[in-house]
mmCIF file of all heavy atoms, coordinates in Angstrom:
data_MODEL
# 
_entry.id   MODEL 
# 
loop_
_atom_site.group_PDB 
_atom_site.id 
_atom_site.type_symbol 
_atom_site.label_atom_id 
_atom_site.label_alt_id 
_atom_site.label_comp_id 
_atom_site.label_asym_id 
_atom_site.label_entity_id 
_atom_site.label_seq_id 
_atom_site.pdbx_PDB_ins_code 
_atom_site.Cartn_x 
_atom_site.Cartn_y 
_atom_site.Cartn_z 
_atom_site.occupancy 
_atom_site.B_iso_or_equiv 
_atom_site.pdbx_formal_charge 
_atom_site.auth_seq_id 
_atom_site.auth_comp_id 
_atom_site.auth_asym_id 
_atom_site.auth_atom_id 
_atom_site.pdbx_PDB_model_num 
ATOM 1   N N   . GLY A 1 1  ? 0.846   -1.341  0.041  1.00 0.00 ? 1  GLY A N   1 
ATOM 2   C CA  . GLY A 1 1  ? -0.059  -0.003  0.047  1.00 0.00 ? 1  GLY A CA  1 
ATOM 3   C C   . GLY A 1 1  ? 0.796   1.294   0.024  1.00 0.00 ? 1  GLY A C   1 
ATOM 4   O O   . GLY A 1 1  ? 0.512   2.204   -0.645 1.00 0.00 ? 1  GLY A O   1 
ATOM 5   N N   . ALA A 1 2  ? 1.942   1.178   0.775  1.00 0.00 ? 2  ALA A N   1 
ATOM 6   C CA  . ALA A 1 2  ? 2.826   2.378   0.788  1.00 0.00 ? 2  ALA A CA  1 
ATOM 7   C C   . ALA A 1 2  ? 3.343   2.854   -0.551 1.00 0.00 ? 2  ALA A C   1 
ATOM 8   O O   . ALA A 1 2  ? 3.571   4.014   -0.791 1.00 0.00 ? 2  ALA A O   1 
ATOM 9   C CB  . ALA A 1 2  ? 4.046   2.177   1.708  1.00 0.00 ? 2  ALA A CB  1 
ATOM 10  N N   . TYR A 1 3  ? 3.579   1.983   -1.451 1.00 0.00 ? 3  TYR A N   1 
ATOM 11  C CA  . TYR A 1 3  ? 4.132   2.238   -2.808 1.00 0.00 ? 3  TYR A CA  1 
ATOM 12  C C   . TYR A 1 3  ? 3.051   2.167   -3.850 1.00 0.00 ? 3  TYR A C   1 
ATOM 13  O O   . TYR A 1 3  ? 3.462   2.369   -5.058 1.00 0.00 ? 3  TYR A O   1 
ATOM 14  C CB  . TYR A 1 3  ? 5.254   1.297   -3.067 1.00 0.00 ? 3  TYR A CB  1 
ATOM 15  C CG  . TYR A 1 3  ? 6.453   1.631   -2.274 1.00 0.00 ? 3  TYR A CG  1 
ATOM 16  C CD1 . TYR A 1 3  ? 6.795   0.981   -1.099 1.00 0.00 ? 3  TYR A CD1 1 
ATOM 17  C CD2 . TYR A 1 3  ? 7.310   2.608   -2.696 1.00 0.00 ? 3  TYR A CD2 1 
ATOM 18  C CE1 . TYR A 1 3  ? 7.818   1.206   -0.327 1.00 0.00 ? 3  TYR A CE1 1 
ATOM 19  C CE2 . TYR A 1 3  ? 8.433   3.050   -1.865 1.00 0.00 ? 3  TYR A CE2 1 
ATOM 20  C CZ  . TYR A 1 3  ? 8.732   2.261   -0.775 1.00 0.00 ? 3  TYR A CZ  1 
ATOM 21  O OH  . TYR A 1 3  ? 9.841   2.557   0.087  1.00 0.00 ? 3  TYR A OH  1 
ATOM 22  N N   . THR A 1 4  ? 1.822   1.932   -3.556 1.00 0.00 ? 4  THR A N   1 
ATOM 23  C CA  . THR A 1 4  ? 0.842   1.925   -4.631 1.00 0.00 ? 4  THR A CA  1 
ATOM 24  C C   . THR A 1 4  ? -0.378  2.845   -4.425 1.00 0.00 ? 4  THR A C   1 
ATOM 25  O O   . THR A 1 4  ? -1.210  3.061   -5.363 1.00 0.00 ? 4  THR A O   1 
ATOM 26  C CB  . THR A 1 4  ? 0.210   0.409   -4.847 1.00 0.00 ? 4  THR A CB  1 
ATOM 27  O OG1 . THR A 1 4  ? -0.214  -0.059  -3.634 1.00 0.00 ? 4  THR A OG1 1 
ATOM 28  C CG2 . THR A 1 4  ? 1.441   -0.548  -5.343 1.00 0.00 ? 4  THR A CG2 1 
ATOM 29  N N   . ILE A 1 5  ? -0.563  3.183   -3.157 1.00 0.00 ? 5  ILE A N   1 
ATOM 30  C CA  . ILE A 1 5  ? -1.782  4.034   -2.823 1.00 0.00 ? 5  ILE A CA  1 
ATOM 31  C C   . ILE A 1 5  ? -1.308  5.404   -2.446 1.00 0.00 ? 5  ILE A C   1 
ATOM 32  O O   . ILE A 1 5  ? -0.164  5.616   -1.931 1.00 0.00 ? 5  ILE A O   1 
ATOM 33  C CB  . ILE A 1 5  ? -2.506  3.386   -1.646 1.00 0.00 ? 5  ILE A CB  1 
ATOM 34  C CG1 . ILE A 1 5  ? -2.974  1.978   -1.975 1.00 0.00 ? 5  ILE A CG1 1 
ATOM 35  C CG2 . ILE A 1 5  ? -3.678  4.240   -1.058 1.00 0.00 ? 5  ILE A CG2 1 
ATOM 36  C CD1 . ILE A 1 5  ? -3.642  1.259   -0.864 1.00 0.00 ? 5  ILE A CD1 1 
ATOM 37  N N   . PRO A 1 6  ? -1.963  6.494   -2.868 1.00 0.00 ? 6  PRO A N   1 
ATOM 38  C CA  . PRO A 1 6  ? -1.676  7.817   -2.567 1.00 0.00 ? 6  PRO A CA  1 
ATOM 39  C C   . PRO A 1 6  ? -1.328  8.008   -0.993 1.00 0.00 ? 6  PRO A C   1 
ATOM 40  O O   . PRO A 1 6  ? -1.934  7.362   -0.085 1.00 0.00 ? 6  PRO A O   1 
ATOM 41  C CB  . PRO A 1 6  ? -2.875  8.733   -2.855 1.00 0.00 ? 6  PRO A CB  1 
ATOM 42  C CG  . PRO A 1 6  ? -3.507  7.895   -3.947 1.00 0.00 ? 6  PRO A CG  1 
ATOM 43  C CD  . PRO A 1 6  ? -3.358  6.426   -3.558 1.00 0.00 ? 6  PRO A CD  1 
ATOM 44  N N   . VAL A 1 7  ? -0.300  8.731   -0.561 1.00 0.00 ? 7  VAL A N   1 
ATOM 45  C CA  . VAL A 1 7  ? 0.134   8.910   0.733  1.00 0.00 ? 7  VAL A CA  1 
ATOM 46  C C   . VAL A 1 7  ? -0.906  9.391   1.590  1.00 0.00 ? 7  VAL A C   1 
ATOM 47  O O   . VAL A 1 7  ? -1.030  8.869   2.770  1.00 0.00 ? 7  VAL A O   1 
ATOM 48  C CB  . VAL A 1 7  ? 1.363   9.847   0.745  1.00 0.00 ? 7  VAL A CB  1 
ATOM 49  C CG1 . VAL A 1 7  ? 1.746   10.096  2.212  1.00 0.00 ? 7  VAL A CG1 1 
ATOM 50  C CG2 . VAL A 1 7  ? 2.611   9.306   0.028  1.00 0.00 ? 7  VAL A CG2 1 
ATOM 51  N N   . HIS A 1 8  ? -1.671  10.398  1.158  1.00 0.00 ? 8  HIS A N   1 
ATOM 52  C CA  . HIS A 1 8  ? -2.673  10.899  2.109  1.00 0.00 ? 8  HIS A CA  1 
ATOM 53  C C   . HIS A 1 8  ? -3.680  9.876   2.372  1.00 0.00 ? 8  HIS A C   1 
ATOM 54  O O   . HIS A 1 8  ? -4.280  9.936   3.553  1.00 0.00 ? 8  HIS A O   1 
ATOM 55  C CB  . HIS A 1 8  ? -3.337  12.099  1.298  1.00 0.00 ? 8  HIS A CB  1 
ATOM 56  C CG  . HIS A 1 8  ? -3.781  13.234  2.150  1.00 0.00 ? 8  HIS A CG  1 
ATOM 57  N ND1 . HIS A 1 8  ? -2.825  13.937  2.888  1.00 0.00 ? 8  HIS A ND1 1 
ATOM 58  C CD2 . HIS A 1 8  ? -5.000  13.764  2.495  1.00 0.00 ? 8  HIS A CD2 1 
ATOM 59  C CE1 . HIS A 1 8  ? -3.477  14.879  3.615  1.00 0.00 ? 8  HIS A CE1 1 
ATOM 60  N NE2 . HIS A 1 8  ? -4.731  14.763  3.334  1.00 0.00 ? 8  HIS A NE2 1 
ATOM 61  N N   . THR A 1 9  ? -4.080  8.945   1.587  1.00 0.00 ? 9  THR A N   1 
ATOM 62  C CA  . THR A 1 9  ? -4.982  7.943   1.780  1.00 0.00 ? 9  THR A CA  1 
ATOM 63  C C   . THR A 1 9  ? -4.298  6.795   2.585  1.00 0.00 ? 9  THR A C   1 
ATOM 64  O O   . THR A 1 9  ? -4.880  6.260   3.598  1.00 0.00 ? 9  THR A O   1 
ATOM 65  C CB  . THR A 1 9  ? -5.501  7.210   0.495  1.00 0.00 ? 9  THR A CB  1 
ATOM 66  O OG1 . THR A 1 9  ? -6.057  8.214   -0.308 1.00 0.00 ? 9  THR A OG1 1 
ATOM 67  C CG2 . THR A 1 9  ? -6.474  6.175   0.778  1.00 0.00 ? 9  THR A CG2 1 
ATOM 68  N N   . MET A 1 10 ? -3.069  6.472   2.297  1.00 0.00 ? 10 MET A N   1 
ATOM 69  C CA  . MET A 1 10 ? -2.393  5.399   3.061  1.00 0.00 ? 10 MET A CA  1 
ATOM 70  C C   . MET A 1 10 ? -2.087  5.644   4.544  1.00 0.00 ? 10 MET A C   1 
ATOM 71  O O   . MET A 1 10 ? -2.037  4.909   5.310  1.00 0.00 ? 10 MET A O   1 
ATOM 72  C CB  . MET A 1 10 ? -0.982  5.101   2.329  1.00 0.00 ? 10 MET A CB  1 
ATOM 73  C CG  . MET A 1 10 ? -0.433  3.742   2.812  1.00 0.00 ? 10 MET A CG  1 
ATOM 74  S SD  . MET A 1 10 ? -1.577  2.342   2.588  1.00 0.00 ? 10 MET A SD  1 
ATOM 75  C CE  . MET A 1 10 ? -0.729  1.197   3.656  1.00 0.00 ? 10 MET A CE  1 
ATOM 76  N N   . VAL A 1 11 ? -2.094  6.928   4.879  1.00 0.00 ? 11 VAL A N   1 
ATOM 77  C CA  . VAL A 1 11 ? -1.897  7.295   6.342  1.00 0.00 ? 11 VAL A CA  1 
ATOM 78  C C   . VAL A 1 11 ? -3.029  6.767   7.137  1.00 0.00 ? 11 VAL A C   1 
ATOM 79  O O   . VAL A 1 11 ? -2.756  6.082   8.190  1.00 0.00 ? 11 VAL A O   1 
ATOM 80  C CB  . VAL A 1 11 ? -1.874  8.885   6.460  1.00 0.00 ? 11 VAL A CB  1 
ATOM 81  C CG1 . VAL A 1 11 ? -1.967  9.256   7.864  1.00 0.00 ? 11 VAL A CG1 1 
ATOM 82  C CG2 . VAL A 1 11 ? -0.563  9.353   5.874  1.00 0.00 ? 11 VAL A CG2 1 
ATOM 83  N N   . TRP A 1 12 ? -4.207  6.956   6.696  1.00 0.00 ? 12 TRP A N   1 
ATOM 84  C CA  . TRP A 1 12 ? -5.392  6.337   7.560  1.00 0.00 ? 12 TRP A CA  1 
ATOM 85  C C   . TRP A 1 12 ? -5.595  4.846   7.304  1.00 0.00 ? 12 TRP A C   1 
ATOM 86  O O   . TRP A 1 12 ? -5.987  4.067   8.145  1.00 0.00 ? 12 TRP A O   1 
ATOM 87  C CB  . TRP A 1 12 ? -6.542  7.210   7.408  1.00 0.00 ? 12 TRP A CB  1 
ATOM 88  C CG  . TRP A 1 12 ? -7.170  7.191   5.971  1.00 0.00 ? 12 TRP A CG  1 
ATOM 89  C CD1 . TRP A 1 12 ? -7.167  8.128   4.950  1.00 0.00 ? 12 TRP A CD1 1 
ATOM 90  C CD2 . TRP A 1 12 ? -8.144  6.085   5.432  1.00 0.00 ? 12 TRP A CD2 1 
ATOM 91  N NE1 . TRP A 1 12 ? -7.751  7.725   3.889  1.00 0.00 ? 12 TRP A NE1 1 
ATOM 92  C CE2 . TRP A 1 12 ? -8.422  6.516   4.129  1.00 0.00 ? 12 TRP A CE2 1 
ATOM 93  C CE3 . TRP A 1 12 ? -8.586  4.869   5.928  1.00 0.00 ? 12 TRP A CE3 1 
ATOM 94  C CZ2 . TRP A 1 12 ? -9.220  5.801   3.298  1.00 0.00 ? 12 TRP A CZ2 1 
ATOM 95  C CZ3 . TRP A 1 12 ? -9.495  4.120   5.093  1.00 0.00 ? 12 TRP A CZ3 1 
ATOM 96  C CH2 . TRP A 1 12 ? -9.676  4.610   3.788  1.00 0.00 ? 12 TRP A CH2 1 
ATOM 97  N N   . LEU A 1 13 ? -5.407  4.448   6.019  1.00 0.00 ? 13 LEU A N   1 
ATOM 98  C CA  . LEU A 1 13 ? -5.584  3.122   5.635  1.00 0.00 ? 13 LEU A CA  1 
ATOM 99  C C   . LEU A 1 13 ? -4.607  2.212   6.287  1.00 0.00 ? 13 LEU A C   1 
ATOM 100 O O   . LEU A 1 13 ? -4.869  1.041   6.753  1.00 0.00 ? 13 LEU A O   1 
ATOM 101 C CB  . LEU A 1 13 ? -5.472  2.892   4.058  1.00 0.00 ? 13 LEU A CB  1 
ATOM 102 C CG  . LEU A 1 13 ? -5.721  1.524   3.531  1.00 0.00 ? 13 LEU A CG  1 
ATOM 103 C CD1 . LEU A 1 13 ? -7.172  1.017   3.974  1.00 0.00 ? 13 LEU A CD1 1 
ATOM 104 C CD2 . LEU A 1 13 ? -5.578  1.491   2.086  1.00 0.00 ? 13 LEU A CD2 1 
ATOM 105 N N   . GLY A 1 14 ? -3.356  2.711   6.457  1.00 0.00 ? 14 GLY A N   1 
ATOM 106 C CA  . GLY A 1 14 ? -2.368  1.856   7.203  1.00 0.00 ? 14 GLY A CA  1 
ATOM 107 C C   . GLY A 1 14 ? -2.757  1.676   8.667  1.00 0.00 ? 14 GLY A C   1 
ATOM 108 O O   . GLY A 1 14 ? -2.540  0.510   9.191  1.00 0.00 ? 14 GLY A O   1 
ATOM 109 N N   . SER A 1 15 ? -3.372  2.641   9.275  1.00 0.00 ? 15 SER A N   1 
ATOM 110 C CA  . SER A 1 15 ? -3.842  2.479   10.643 1.00 0.00 ? 15 SER A CA  1 
ATOM 111 C C   . SER A 1 15 ? -4.948  1.498   10.740 1.00 0.00 ? 15 SER A C   1 
ATOM 112 O O   . SER A 1 15 ? -5.163  0.760   11.590 1.00 0.00 ? 15 SER A O   1 
ATOM 113 C CB  . SER A 1 15 ? -4.328  3.858   11.258 1.00 0.00 ? 15 SER A CB  1 
ATOM 114 O OG  . SER A 1 15 ? -3.186  4.809   11.284 1.00 0.00 ? 15 SER A OG  1 
ATOM 115 N N   . VAL A 1 16 ? -5.841  1.505   9.669  1.00 0.00 ? 16 VAL A N   1 
ATOM 116 C CA  . VAL A 1 16 ? -6.999  0.608   9.618  1.00 0.00 ? 16 VAL A CA  1 
ATOM 117 C C   . VAL A 1 16 ? -6.465  -0.822  9.450  1.00 0.00 ? 16 VAL A C   1 
ATOM 118 O O   . VAL A 1 16 ? -7.028  -1.634  10.217 1.00 0.00 ? 16 VAL A O   1 
ATOM 119 C CB  . VAL A 1 16 ? -7.974  1.006   8.483  1.00 0.00 ? 16 VAL A CB  1 
ATOM 120 C CG1 . VAL A 1 16 ? -8.907  -0.114  8.175  1.00 0.00 ? 16 VAL A CG1 1 
ATOM 121 C CG2 . VAL A 1 16 ? -8.694  2.356   8.689  1.00 0.00 ? 16 VAL A CG2 1 
ATOM 122 N N   . LEU A 1 17 ? -5.471  -0.976  8.653  1.00 0.00 ? 17 LEU A N   1 
ATOM 123 C CA  . LEU A 1 17 ? -4.904  -2.324  8.513  1.00 0.00 ? 17 LEU A CA  1 
ATOM 124 C C   . LEU A 1 17 ? -4.297  -2.861  9.750  1.00 0.00 ? 17 LEU A C   1 
ATOM 125 O O   . LEU A 1 17 ? -4.426  -4.031  10.147 1.00 0.00 ? 17 LEU A O   1 
ATOM 126 C CB  . LEU A 1 17 ? -3.831  -2.295  7.320  1.00 0.00 ? 17 LEU A CB  1 
ATOM 127 C CG  . LEU A 1 17 ? -4.381  -2.046  5.931  1.00 0.00 ? 17 LEU A CG  1 
ATOM 128 C CD1 . LEU A 1 17 ? -3.089  -1.907  4.944  1.00 0.00 ? 17 LEU A CD1 1 
ATOM 129 C CD2 . LEU A 1 17 ? -5.145  -3.353  5.507  1.00 0.00 ? 17 LEU A CD2 1 
ATOM 130 N N   . MET A 1 18 ? -3.628  -1.931  10.429 1.00 0.00 ? 18 MET A N   1 
ATOM 131 C CA  . MET A 1 18 ? -3.034  -2.287  11.743 1.00 0.00 ? 18 MET A CA  1 
ATOM 132 C C   . MET A 1 18 ? -4.100  -2.855  12.806 1.00 0.00 ? 18 MET A C   1 
ATOM 133 O O   . MET A 1 18 ? -3.936  -3.902  13.448 1.00 0.00 ? 18 MET A O   1 
ATOM 134 C CB  . MET A 1 18 ? -2.166  -1.272  12.361 1.00 0.00 ? 18 MET A CB  1 
ATOM 135 C CG  . MET A 1 18 ? -1.493  -1.706  13.739 1.00 0.00 ? 18 MET A CG  1 
ATOM 136 S SD  . MET A 1 18 ? -0.278  -0.454  14.200 1.00 0.00 ? 18 MET A SD  1 
ATOM 137 C CE  . MET A 1 18 ? -1.393  0.791   14.730 1.00 0.00 ? 18 MET A CE  1 
ATOM 138 N N   . VAL A 1 19 ? -5.219  -1.966  12.860 1.00 0.00 ? 19 VAL A N   1 
ATOM 139 C CA  . VAL A 1 19 ? -6.182  -2.235  13.875 1.00 0.00 ? 19 VAL A CA  1 
ATOM 140 C C   . VAL A 1 19 ? -6.936  -3.647  13.434 1.00 0.00 ? 19 VAL A C   1 
ATOM 141 O O   . VAL A 1 19 ? -7.261  -4.440  14.298 1.00 0.00 ? 19 VAL A O   1 
ATOM 142 C CB  . VAL A 1 19 ? -7.161  -1.154  13.893 1.00 0.00 ? 19 VAL A CB  1 
ATOM 143 C CG1 . VAL A 1 19 ? -8.445  -1.511  14.786 1.00 0.00 ? 19 VAL A CG1 1 
ATOM 144 C CG2 . VAL A 1 19 ? -6.588  0.112   14.507 1.00 0.00 ? 19 VAL A CG2 1 
ATOM 145 N N   . ALA A 1 20 ? -7.211  -3.735  12.219 1.00 0.00 ? 20 ALA A N   1 
ATOM 146 C CA  . ALA A 1 20 ? -7.791  -4.958  11.516 1.00 0.00 ? 20 ALA A CA  1 
ATOM 147 C C   . ALA A 1 20 ? -6.886  -6.194  11.896 1.00 0.00 ? 20 ALA A C   1 
ATOM 148 O O   . ALA A 1 20 ? -7.514  -7.235  12.332 1.00 0.00 ? 20 ALA A O   1 
ATOM 149 C CB  . ALA A 1 20 ? -8.065  -4.874  10.144 1.00 0.00 ? 20 ALA A CB  1 
ATOM 150 N N   . ALA A 1 21 ? -5.669  -6.012  11.863 1.00 0.00 ? 21 ALA A N   1 
ATOM 151 C CA  . ALA A 1 21 ? -4.758  -7.170  12.057 1.00 0.00 ? 21 ALA A CA  1 
ATOM 152 C C   . ALA A 1 21 ? -4.752  -7.584  13.565 1.00 0.00 ? 21 ALA A C   1 
ATOM 153 O O   . ALA A 1 21 ? -4.877  -8.695  13.894 1.00 0.00 ? 21 ALA A O   1 
ATOM 154 C CB  . ALA A 1 21 ? -3.310  -6.843  11.596 1.00 0.00 ? 21 ALA A CB  1 
ATOM 155 N N   . ILE A 1 22 ? -4.777  -6.634  14.395 1.00 0.00 ? 22 ILE A N   1 
ATOM 156 C CA  . ILE A 1 22 ? -4.813  -6.855  15.780 1.00 0.00 ? 22 ILE A CA  1 
ATOM 157 C C   . ILE A 1 22 ? -6.195  -7.532  16.215 1.00 0.00 ? 22 ILE A C   1 
ATOM 158 O O   . ILE A 1 22 ? -6.127  -8.498  16.982 1.00 0.00 ? 22 ILE A O   1 
ATOM 159 C CB  . ILE A 1 22 ? -4.670  -5.462  16.577 1.00 0.00 ? 22 ILE A CB  1 
ATOM 160 C CG1 . ILE A 1 22 ? -3.210  -4.982  16.356 1.00 0.00 ? 22 ILE A CG1 1 
ATOM 161 C CG2 . ILE A 1 22 ? -4.947  -5.672  18.101 1.00 0.00 ? 22 ILE A CG2 1 
ATOM 162 C CD1 . ILE A 1 22 ? -3.098  -3.578  17.023 1.00 0.00 ? 22 ILE A CD1 1 
ATOM 163 N N   . LEU A 1 23 ? -7.248  -7.063  15.687 1.00 0.00 ? 23 LEU A N   1 
ATOM 164 C CA  . LEU A 1 23 ? -8.582  -7.664  16.026 1.00 0.00 ? 23 LEU A CA  1 
ATOM 165 C C   . LEU A 1 23 ? -8.575  -9.124  15.461 1.00 0.00 ? 23 LEU A C   1 
ATOM 166 O O   . LEU A 1 23 ? -9.237  -9.987  16.181 1.00 0.00 ? 23 LEU A O   1 
ATOM 167 C CB  . LEU A 1 23 ? -9.684  -6.735  15.317 1.00 0.00 ? 23 LEU A CB  1 
ATOM 168 C CG  . LEU A 1 23 ? -9.804  -5.391  15.992 1.00 0.00 ? 23 LEU A CG  1 
ATOM 169 C CD1 . LEU A 1 23 ? -10.944 -4.585  15.240 1.00 0.00 ? 23 LEU A CD1 1 
ATOM 170 C CD2 . LEU A 1 23 ? -10.232 -5.456  17.428 1.00 0.00 ? 23 LEU A CD2 1 
ATOM 171 N N   . LEU A 1 24 ? -8.098  -9.243  14.174 1.00 0.00 ? 24 LEU A N   1 
ATOM 172 C CA  . LEU A 1 24 ? -8.171  -10.642 13.604 1.00 0.00 ? 24 LEU A CA  1 
ATOM 173 C C   . LEU A 1 24 ? -7.347  -11.612 14.457 1.00 0.00 ? 24 LEU A C   1 
ATOM 174 O O   . LEU A 1 24 ? -7.728  -12.706 14.792 1.00 0.00 ? 24 LEU A O   1 
ATOM 175 C CB  . LEU A 1 24 ? -7.553  -10.522 12.218 1.00 0.00 ? 24 LEU A CB  1 
ATOM 176 C CG  . LEU A 1 24 ? -7.342  -12.007 11.534 1.00 0.00 ? 24 LEU A CG  1 
ATOM 177 C CD1 . LEU A 1 24 ? -8.768  -12.486 11.361 1.00 0.00 ? 24 LEU A CD1 1 
ATOM 178 C CD2 . LEU A 1 24 ? -6.607  -11.751 10.131 1.00 0.00 ? 24 LEU A CD2 1 
ATOM 179 N N   . ALA A 1 25 ? -6.030  -11.122 14.892 1.00 0.00 ? 25 ALA A N   1 
ATOM 180 C CA  . ALA A 1 25 ? -5.317  -11.957 15.813 1.00 0.00 ? 25 ALA A CA  1 
ATOM 181 C C   . ALA A 1 25 ? -5.904  -12.251 17.078 1.00 0.00 ? 25 ALA A C   1 
ATOM 182 O O   . ALA A 1 25 ? -5.899  -13.337 17.624 1.00 0.00 ? 25 ALA A O   1 
ATOM 183 C CB  . ALA A 1 25 ? -3.984  -11.341 15.946 1.00 0.00 ? 25 ALA A CB  1 
# 
């Protein structure tokens, strides 16, 4: 995502991915 998605979008999307990973685990 960091190298394919616009930075402004990836800032919040990266946080969403991290929270989703924590909840999944």
